[in-house]
């Protein structure tokens, strides 16, 4: 056993919040629609619970090594999981419009390819002065986070252009990522520049950003959800017209 400190309380609060998000996803049957997001939360919950165990209960050398491996393995998989979630959010926003969904899919691929090349070029120039696994996690994470920032910007641009509003679950989940992902990028850049010296600070930044994202997601899941996308005040370039035009063009 150990005396609980503020960091431990913060950790337990994050675990409780992730558990609450998971419960909301099951109770409201949203896991069927947002499977990737549900898996993402369960993945984070599992990794965080494991880290908390090794941090507080297993003080042996093997426990410290397990903590290190689990932490950086989690960072490596974080970007892949988040990328799958963003793809899911894109397609959920346009699920009622076949033409726009095809356009979103095509644009998603092109934006992802372009952003990946830009991010890879930026990541190669980084100086991650630490062990090989940390370097791999930092370079891979930096590349993926730059890519995700670009995709988030693209998602919010489309949502704003089509006047989708802020009450859709997909938009709410994206808002949480808009807080978490830039802070993760900032943390990776700090570790890439200074190595192990800034890992504790980087970890605090990442955990704080994710905690804010959890609060955003809990807020969206706790309030009643509109069943349909807002149709009031739809601009002249509305979804239905775009959808019909795109279907005609893609035949």
C-alpha atoms as a PDB file:
ATOM      1  CA  UNK A   1       0.000   0.000   0.000  1.00  0.00           C
ATOM      2  CA  UNK A   2       1.061   3.634  -0.385  1.00  0.00           C
ATOM      3  CA  UNK A   3      -0.168   7.052   0.692  1.00  0.00           C
ATOM      4  CA  UNK A   4      -2.251   8.738  -1.972  1.00  0.00           C
ATOM      5  CA  UNK A   5      -0.729  11.898  -3.384  1.00  0.00           C
ATOM      6  CA  UNK A   6      -2.285  14.456  -5.691  1.00  0.00           C
ATOM      7  CA  UNK A   7      -0.921  12.669  -8.761  1.00  0.00           C
ATOM      8  CA  UNK A   8      -2.507   9.412  -7.579  1.00  0.00           C
ATOM      9  CA  UNK A   9      -5.871  11.118  -7.057  1.00  0.00           C
ATOM     10  CA  UNK A  10      -5.558  12.668 -10.522  1.00  0.00           C
ATOM     11  CA  UNK A  11      -4.804   9.233 -11.937  1.00  0.00           C
ATOM     12  CA  UNK A  12      -7.762   7.605 -10.163  1.00  0.00           C
ATOM     13  CA  UNK A  13     -10.018  10.425 -11.338  1.00  0.00           C
ATOM     14  CA  UNK A  14      -8.964   9.822 -14.945  1.00  0.00           C
ATOM     15  CA  UNK A  15      -9.646   6.088 -14.589  1.00  0.00           C
ATOM     16  CA  UNK A  16     -13.088   6.832 -13.113  1.00  0.00           C
ATOM     17  CA  UNK A  17     -13.855   9.277 -15.938  1.00  0.00           C
ATOM     18  CA  UNK A  18     -12.821   6.737 -18.596  1.00  0.00           C
ATOM     19  CA  UNK A  19     -14.977   4.106 -16.909  1.00  0.00           C
ATOM     20  CA  UNK A  20     -17.899   6.566 -16.908  1.00  0.00           C
ATOM     21  CA  UNK A  21     -17.427   7.308 -20.629  1.00  0.00           C
ATOM     22  CA  UNK A  22     -17.346   3.560 -21.339  1.00  0.00           C
ATOM     23  CA  UNK A  23     -20.541   3.034 -19.322  1.00  0.00           C
ATOM     24  CA  UNK A  24     -22.278   5.886 -21.172  1.00  0.00           C
ATOM     25  CA  UNK A  25     -21.253   4.362 -24.510  1.00  0.00           C
ATOM     26  CA  UNK A  26     -22.798   1.020 -23.503  1.00  0.00           C
ATOM     27  CA  UNK A  27     -25.935   2.351 -21.763  1.00  0.00           C
ATOM     28  CA  UNK A  28     -26.787   4.699 -24.637  1.00  0.00           C
ATOM     29  CA  UNK A  29     -25.854   1.960 -27.138  1.00  0.00           C
ATOM     30  CA  UNK A  30     -23.393   4.295 -28.831  1.00  0.00           C
ATOM     31  CA  UNK A  31     -20.712   1.609 -28.982  1.00  0.00           C
ATOM     32  CA  UNK A  32     -22.513   0.209 -32.027  1.00  0.00           C
ATOM     33  CA  UNK A  33     -22.180   3.467 -33.934  1.00  0.00           C
ATOM     34  CA  UNK A  34     -18.858   4.610 -32.498  1.00  0.00           C
ATOM     35  CA  UNK A  35     -17.030   1.314 -32.120  1.00  0.00           C
ATOM     36  CA  UNK A  36     -13.569   2.779 -32.791  1.00  0.00           C
ATOM     37  CA  UNK A  37     -14.091   5.491 -30.166  1.00  0.00           C
ATOM     38  CA  UNK A  38     -15.306   2.904 -27.638  1.00  0.00           C
ATOM     39  CA  UNK A  39     -12.252   0.723 -28.288  1.00  0.00           C
ATOM     40  CA  UNK A  40     -10.060   3.827 -27.957  1.00  0.00           C
ATOM     41  CA  UNK A  41     -11.475   4.612 -24.498  1.00  0.00           C
ATOM     42  CA  UNK A  42     -11.202   0.996 -23.319  1.00  0.00           C
ATOM     43  CA  UNK A  43      -7.609   0.896 -24.608  1.00  0.00           C
ATOM     44  CA  UNK A  44      -6.768   4.049 -22.636  1.00  0.00           C
ATOM     45  CA  UNK A  45      -8.514   2.689 -19.558  1.00  0.00           C
ATOM     46  CA  UNK A  46      -6.526  -0.566 -19.714  1.00  0.00           C
ATOM     47  CA  UNK A  47      -3.168   1.153 -20.248  1.00  0.00           C
ATOM     48  CA  UNK A  48      -3.807   3.743 -17.515  1.00  0.00           C
ATOM     49  CA  UNK A  49      -4.895   1.099 -15.020  1.00  0.00           C
ATOM     50  CA  UNK A  50      -1.748  -0.905 -15.784  1.00  0.00           C
ATOM     51  CA  UNK A  51       0.487   2.146 -15.384  1.00  0.00           C
ATOM     52  CA  UNK A  52      -1.192   3.050 -12.120  1.00  0.00           C
ATOM     53  CA  UNK A  53      -0.601  -0.466 -10.799  1.00  0.00           C
ATOM     54  CA  UNK A  54       3.087  -0.485 -11.680  1.00  0.00           C
ATOM     55  CA  UNK A  55       3.469   3.073 -10.379  1.00  0.00           C
ATOM     56  CA  UNK A  56       1.932   2.429  -6.971  1.00  0.00           C
ATOM     57  CA  UNK A  57       2.021  -1.275  -6.207  1.00  0.00           C
ATOM     58  CA  UNK A  58       5.001  -2.829  -7.983  1.00  0.00           C
ATOM     59  CA  UNK A  59       8.171  -0.980  -6.969  1.00  0.00           C
ATOM     60  CA  UNK A  60      10.529  -3.721  -8.162  1.00  0.00           C
ATOM     61  CA  UNK A  61      12.985  -3.390 -11.039  1.00  0.00           C
ATOM     62  CA  UNK A  62      10.791  -5.613 -13.205  1.00  0.00           C
ATOM     63  CA  UNK A  63       7.802  -3.425 -12.346  1.00  0.00           C
ATOM     64  CA  UNK A  64       9.707  -0.283 -13.364  1.00  0.00           C
ATOM     65  CA  UNK A  65      10.674  -1.909 -16.660  1.00  0.00           C
ATOM     66  CA  UNK A  66       7.084  -3.020 -17.265  1.00  0.00           C
ATOM     67  CA  UNK A  67       5.901   0.542 -16.571  1.00  0.00           C
ATOM     68  CA  UNK A  68       8.398   1.937 -19.097  1.00  0.00           C
ATOM     69  CA  UNK A  69       7.465  -0.581 -21.802  1.00  0.00           C
ATOM     70  CA  UNK A  70       3.715  -0.137 -21.243  1.00  0.00           C
ATOM     71  CA  UNK A  71       3.984   3.659 -21.257  1.00  0.00           C
ATOM     72  CA  UNK A  72       5.855   3.947 -24.553  1.00  0.00           C
ATOM     73  CA  UNK A  73       3.936   1.102 -26.194  1.00  0.00           C
ATOM     74  CA  UNK A  74       0.769   2.978 -25.266  1.00  0.00           C
ATOM     75  CA  UNK A  75       2.133   6.155 -26.845  1.00  0.00           C
ATOM     76  CA  UNK A  76       2.995   4.239 -30.023  1.00  0.00           C
ATOM     77  CA  UNK A  77      -0.529   2.815 -30.335  1.00  0.00           C
ATOM     78  CA  UNK A  78      -2.266   6.057 -29.288  1.00  0.00           C
ATOM     79  CA  UNK A  79      -1.870   7.722 -32.679  1.00  0.00           C
ATOM     80  CA  UNK A  80      -3.103   4.695 -34.636  1.00  0.00           C
ATOM     81  CA  UNK A  81      -6.173   4.391 -32.423  1.00  0.00           C
ATOM     82  CA  UNK A  82      -6.931   8.125 -32.673  1.00  0.00           C
ATOM     83  CA  UNK A  83      -6.576   8.015 -36.466  1.00  0.00           C
ATOM     84  CA  UNK A  84      -9.178   5.227 -36.665  1.00  0.00           C
ATOM     85  CA  UNK A  85     -11.512   7.246 -34.439  1.00  0.00           C
ATOM     86  CA  UNK A  86     -11.218  10.355 -36.611  1.00  0.00           C
ATOM     87  CA  UNK A  87     -11.982   8.312 -39.724  1.00  0.00           C
ATOM     88  CA  UNK A  88     -15.068   6.984 -37.948  1.00  0.00           C
ATOM     89  CA  UNK A  89     -16.167  10.511 -36.983  1.00  0.00           C
ATOM     90  CA  UNK A  90     -15.859  11.710 -40.589  1.00  0.00           C
ATOM     91  CA  UNK A  91     -18.062   8.948 -41.886  1.00  0.00           C
ATOM     92  CA  UNK A  92     -20.627   9.332 -39.104  1.00  0.00           C
ATOM     93  CA  UNK A  93     -21.069  13.024 -39.876  1.00  0.00           C
ATOM     94  CA  UNK A  94     -21.985  12.208 -43.486  1.00  0.00           C
ATOM     95  CA  UNK A  95     -23.592   8.794 -43.046  1.00  0.00           C
ATOM     96  CA  UNK A  96     -26.947   9.979 -44.457  1.00  0.00           C
ATOM     97  CA  UNK A  97     -25.387  11.338 -47.634  1.00  0.00           C
ATOM     98  CA  UNK A  98     -23.781   8.803 -49.938  1.00  0.00           C
ATOM     99  CA  UNK A  99     -22.237  11.346 -52.283  1.00  0.00           C
ATOM    100  CA  UNK A 100     -20.774  13.453 -49.493  1.00  0.00           C
ATOM    101  CA  UNK A 101     -19.550  10.330 -47.743  1.00  0.00           C
ATOM    102  CA  UNK A 102     -17.647   9.323 -50.865  1.00  0.00           C
ATOM    103  CA  UNK A 103     -16.202  12.823 -51.097  1.00  0.00           C
ATOM    104  CA  UNK A 104     -15.226  12.775 -47.417  1.00  0.00           C
ATOM    105  CA  UNK A 105     -13.591   9.364 -47.857  1.00  0.00           C
ATOM    106  CA  UNK A 106     -11.589  10.525 -50.878  1.00  0.00           C
ATOM    107  CA  UNK A 107     -10.582  13.819 -49.265  1.00  0.00           C
ATOM    108  CA  UNK A 108      -9.702  12.019 -46.037  1.00  0.00           C
ATOM    109  CA  UNK A 109      -7.259   9.810 -47.928  1.00  0.00           C
ATOM    110  CA  UNK A 110      -5.666  12.710 -49.800  1.00  0.00           C
ATOM    111  CA  UNK A 111      -5.372  14.923 -46.729  1.00  0.00           C
ATOM    112  CA  UNK A 112      -3.977  11.990 -44.727  1.00  0.00           C
ATOM    113  CA  UNK A 113      -1.384  11.234 -47.415  1.00  0.00           C
ATOM    114  CA  UNK A 114      -0.284  14.873 -47.749  1.00  0.00           C
ATOM    115  CA  UNK A 115      -0.179  15.485 -43.997  1.00  0.00           C
ATOM    116  CA  UNK A 116       1.736  12.249 -43.440  1.00  0.00           C
ATOM    117  CA  UNK A 117       4.456  13.341 -45.878  1.00  0.00           C
ATOM    118  CA  UNK A 118       4.688  16.772 -44.243  1.00  0.00           C
ATOM    119  CA  UNK A 119       4.700  15.257 -40.757  1.00  0.00           C
ATOM    120  CA  UNK A 120       7.298  12.627 -41.659  1.00  0.00           C
ATOM    121  CA  UNK A 121       9.628  15.299 -43.045  1.00  0.00           C
ATOM    122  CA  UNK A 122       9.253  17.300 -39.828  1.00  0.00           C
ATOM    123  CA  UNK A 123       9.721  14.270 -37.587  1.00  0.00           C
ATOM    124  CA  UNK A 124      12.914  13.134 -39.322  1.00  0.00           C
ATOM    125  CA  UNK A 125      14.583  16.417 -38.386  1.00  0.00           C
ATOM    126  CA  UNK A 126      13.856  15.992 -34.662  1.00  0.00           C
ATOM    127  CA  UNK A 127      16.611  15.169 -32.193  1.00  0.00           C
ATOM    128  CA  UNK A 128      15.207  12.549 -29.834  1.00  0.00           C
ATOM    129  CA  UNK A 129      18.288  12.027 -27.645  1.00  0.00           C
ATOM    130  CA  UNK A 130      17.170   8.948 -25.709  1.00  0.00           C
ATOM    131  CA  UNK A 131      16.838   5.159 -26.056  1.00  0.00           C
ATOM    132  CA  UNK A 132      15.562   3.484 -29.231  1.00  0.00           C
ATOM    133  CA  UNK A 133      12.021   2.818 -27.994  1.00  0.00           C
ATOM    134  CA  UNK A 134      11.564   6.366 -26.779  1.00  0.00           C
ATOM    135  CA  UNK A 135      12.922   7.663 -30.077  1.00  0.00           C
ATOM    136  CA  UNK A 136      10.556   5.438 -32.032  1.00  0.00           C
ATOM    137  CA  UNK A 137       7.574   6.490 -29.935  1.00  0.00           C
ATOM    138  CA  UNK A 138       8.475  10.184 -30.126  1.00  0.00           C
ATOM    139  CA  UNK A 139       9.155  10.276 -33.883  1.00  0.00           C
ATOM    140  CA  UNK A 140       6.130   8.115 -34.693  1.00  0.00           C
ATOM    141  CA  UNK A 141       3.961  10.055 -32.255  1.00  0.00           C
ATOM    142  CA  UNK A 142       5.072  13.430 -33.596  1.00  0.00           C
ATOM    143  CA  UNK A 143       4.347  12.337 -37.158  1.00  0.00           C
ATOM    144  CA  UNK A 144       0.912  11.008 -36.246  1.00  0.00           C
ATOM    145  CA  UNK A 145      -0.041  13.993 -34.087  1.00  0.00           C
ATOM    146  CA  UNK A 146       0.806  16.456 -36.879  1.00  0.00           C
ATOM    147  CA  UNK A 147      -1.301  14.313 -39.217  1.00  0.00           C
ATOM    148  CA  UNK A 148      -4.189  14.247 -36.740  1.00  0.00           C
ATOM    149  CA  UNK A 149      -4.053  18.015 -36.216  1.00  0.00           C
ATOM    150  CA  UNK A 150      -4.429  18.470 -39.978  1.00  0.00           C
ATOM    151  CA  UNK A 151      -7.338  16.031 -40.142  1.00  0.00           C
ATOM    152  CA  UNK A 152      -9.067  17.720 -37.201  1.00  0.00           C
ATOM    153  CA  UNK A 153      -8.756  21.077 -38.935  1.00  0.00           C
ATOM    154  CA  UNK A 154     -10.226  19.510 -42.082  1.00  0.00           C
ATOM    155  CA  UNK A 155     -13.117  18.000 -40.087  1.00  0.00           C
ATOM    156  CA  UNK A 156     -14.006  21.283 -38.365  1.00  0.00           C
ATOM    157  CA  UNK A 157     -13.765  23.140 -41.681  1.00  0.00           C
ATOM    158  CA  UNK A 158     -16.281  20.775 -43.289  1.00  0.00           C
ATOM    159  CA  UNK A 159     -18.542  20.880 -40.210  1.00  0.00           C
ATOM    160  CA  UNK A 160     -18.539  24.671 -40.228  1.00  0.00           C
ATOM    161  CA  UNK A 161     -19.056  24.923 -43.989  1.00  0.00           C
ATOM    162  CA  UNK A 162     -22.083  22.610 -43.893  1.00  0.00           C
ATOM    163  CA  UNK A 163     -23.403  24.191 -40.695  1.00  0.00           C
ATOM    164  CA  UNK A 164     -23.630  20.862 -38.866  1.00  0.00           C
ATOM    165  CA  UNK A 165     -23.732  22.506 -35.431  1.00  0.00           C
ATOM    166  CA  UNK A 166     -22.148  21.432 -32.152  1.00  0.00           C
ATOM    167  CA  UNK A 167     -24.775  18.996 -30.857  1.00  0.00           C
ATOM    168  CA  UNK A 168     -23.698  15.979 -32.877  1.00  0.00           C
ATOM    169  CA  UNK A 169     -21.787  13.302 -30.953  1.00  0.00           C
ATOM    170  CA  UNK A 170     -19.153  13.082 -33.700  1.00  0.00           C
ATOM    171  CA  UNK A 171     -18.444  16.808 -33.397  1.00  0.00           C
ATOM    172  CA  UNK A 172     -18.313  16.536 -29.597  1.00  0.00           C
ATOM    173  CA  UNK A 173     -15.812  13.705 -29.723  1.00  0.00           C
ATOM    174  CA  UNK A 174     -13.733  15.714 -32.203  1.00  0.00           C
ATOM    175  CA  UNK A 175     -13.739  18.712 -29.827  1.00  0.00           C
ATOM    176  CA  UNK A 176     -12.177  16.526 -27.137  1.00  0.00           C
ATOM    177  CA  UNK A 177      -9.473  15.405 -29.545  1.00  0.00           C
ATOM    178  CA  UNK A 178      -8.897  19.040 -30.539  1.00  0.00           C
ATOM    179  CA  UNK A 179      -7.793  19.656 -26.941  1.00  0.00           C
ATOM    180  CA  UNK A 180      -5.852  16.446 -26.391  1.00  0.00           C
ATOM    181  CA  UNK A 181      -3.960  15.972 -29.667  1.00  0.00           C
ATOM    182  CA  UNK A 182      -2.229  19.414 -29.916  1.00  0.00           C
ATOM    183  CA  UNK A 183      -1.021  19.023 -26.323  1.00  0.00           C
ATOM    184  CA  UNK A 184       0.315  15.562 -27.154  1.00  0.00           C
ATOM    185  CA  UNK A 185       2.163  17.070 -30.111  1.00  0.00           C
ATOM    186  CA  UNK A 186       3.630  19.751 -27.833  1.00  0.00           C
ATOM    187  CA  UNK A 187       4.770  17.072 -25.357  1.00  0.00           C
ATOM    188  CA  UNK A 188       6.371  14.923 -28.070  1.00  0.00           C
ATOM    189  CA  UNK A 189       8.224  17.919 -29.477  1.00  0.00           C
ATOM    190  CA  UNK A 190       9.561  18.734 -26.009  1.00  0.00           C
ATOM    191  CA  UNK A 191      10.837  15.184 -25.465  1.00  0.00           C
ATOM    192  CA  UNK A 192      12.268  15.082 -28.984  1.00  0.00           C
ATOM    193  CA  UNK A 193      14.282  18.224 -28.256  1.00  0.00           C
ATOM    194  CA  UNK A 194      15.399  17.497 -24.684  1.00  0.00           C
ATOM    195  CA  UNK A 195      15.105  13.716 -24.254  1.00  0.00           C
ATOM    196  CA  UNK A 196      14.505  12.171 -20.817  1.00  0.00           C
ATOM    197  CA  UNK A 197      14.869  15.496 -19.019  1.00  0.00           C
ATOM    198  CA  UNK A 198      11.348  16.587 -20.008  1.00  0.00           C
ATOM    199  CA  UNK A 199       9.522  13.225 -19.891  1.00  0.00           C
ATOM    200  CA  UNK A 200       7.820  14.000 -16.511  1.00  0.00           C
ATOM    201  CA  UNK A 201       6.598  17.394 -17.760  1.00  0.00           C
ATOM    202  CA  UNK A 202       5.531  15.884 -21.091  1.00  0.00           C
ATOM    203  CA  UNK A 203       3.597  13.178 -19.274  1.00  0.00           C
ATOM    204  CA  UNK A 204       1.810  15.811 -17.187  1.00  0.00           C
ATOM    205  CA  UNK A 205       0.861  17.747 -20.330  1.00  0.00           C
ATOM    206  CA  UNK A 206      -0.486  14.618 -22.016  1.00  0.00           C
ATOM    207  CA  UNK A 207      -2.465  13.510 -18.980  1.00  0.00           C
ATOM    208  CA  UNK A 208      -3.887  17.013 -18.413  1.00  0.00           C
ATOM    209  CA  UNK A 209      -4.992  17.295 -22.044  1.00  0.00           C
ATOM    210  CA  UNK A 210      -6.630  13.890 -21.947  1.00  0.00           C
ATOM    211  CA  UNK A 211      -8.383  14.760 -18.680  1.00  0.00           C
ATOM    212  CA  UNK A 212      -9.915  17.854 -20.303  1.00  0.00           C
ATOM    213  CA  UNK A 213     -10.944  15.749 -23.312  1.00  0.00           C
ATOM    214  CA  UNK A 214     -12.642  13.278 -20.958  1.00  0.00           C
ATOM    215  CA  UNK A 215     -14.627  16.116 -19.363  1.00  0.00           C
ATOM    216  CA  UNK A 216     -15.735  17.277 -22.823  1.00  0.00           C
ATOM    217  CA  UNK A 217     -16.811  13.765 -23.801  1.00  0.00           C
ATOM    218  CA  UNK A 218     -18.652  13.244 -20.526  1.00  0.00           C
ATOM    219  CA  UNK A 219     -20.467  16.526 -21.074  1.00  0.00           C
ATOM    220  CA  UNK A 220     -21.604  15.502 -24.556  1.00  0.00           C
ATOM    221  CA  UNK A 221     -22.649  12.037 -23.386  1.00  0.00           C
ATOM    222  CA  UNK A 222     -24.547  13.325 -20.354  1.00  0.00           C
ATOM    223  CA  UNK A 223     -26.784  15.794 -22.203  1.00  0.00           C
ATOM    224  CA  UNK A 224     -29.707  14.812 -24.480  1.00  0.00           C
ATOM    225  CA  UNK A 225     -28.643  14.261 -28.076  1.00  0.00           C
ATOM    226  CA  UNK A 226     -30.539  15.578 -31.060  1.00  0.00           C
ATOM    227  CA  UNK A 227     -31.645  12.692 -33.214  1.00  0.00           C
ATOM    228  CA  UNK A 228     -30.975  14.448 -36.475  1.00  0.00           C
ATOM    229  CA  UNK A 229     -28.540  17.023 -37.688  1.00  0.00           C
ATOM    230  CA  UNK A 230     -29.815  20.567 -37.408  1.00  0.00           C
ATOM    231  CA  UNK A 231     -31.680  21.634 -40.500  1.00  0.00           C
ATOM    232  CA  UNK A 232     -32.571  25.145 -39.397  1.00  0.00           C
ATOM    233  CA  UNK A 233     -30.548  27.996 -40.831  1.00  0.00           C
ATOM    234  CA  UNK A 234     -29.006  25.677 -43.394  1.00  0.00           C
ATOM    235  CA  UNK A 235     -26.885  27.728 -45.822  1.00  0.00           C
ATOM    236  CA  UNK A 236     -27.492  27.823 -49.570  1.00  0.00           C
ATOM    237  CA  UNK A 237     -24.729  25.240 -50.063  1.00  0.00           C
ATOM    238  CA  UNK A 238     -26.729  22.673 -48.017  1.00  0.00           C
ATOM    239  CA  UNK A 239     -25.925  19.000 -47.677  1.00  0.00           C
ATOM    240  CA  UNK A 240     -28.781  17.675 -49.791  1.00  0.00           C
ATOM    241  CA  UNK A 241     -27.841  19.766 -52.849  1.00  0.00           C
ATOM    242  CA  UNK A 242     -24.189  18.851 -52.541  1.00  0.00           C
ATOM    243  CA  UNK A 243     -25.089  15.203 -52.102  1.00  0.00           C
ATOM    244  CA  UNK A 244     -27.247  15.089 -55.235  1.00  0.00           C
ATOM    245  CA  UNK A 245     -24.637  16.917 -57.294  1.00  0.00           C
ATOM    246  CA  UNK A 246     -21.867  14.600 -56.157  1.00  0.00           C
ATOM    247  CA  UNK A 247     -23.929  11.465 -56.806  1.00  0.00           C
ATOM    248  CA  UNK A 248     -24.624  12.708 -60.342  1.00  0.00           C
ATOM    249  CA  UNK A 249     -20.931  13.504 -60.894  1.00  0.00           C
ATOM    250  CA  UNK A 250     -19.708  10.145 -59.518  1.00  0.00           C
ATOM    251  CA  UNK A 251     -21.956   7.969 -61.675  1.00  0.00           C
END
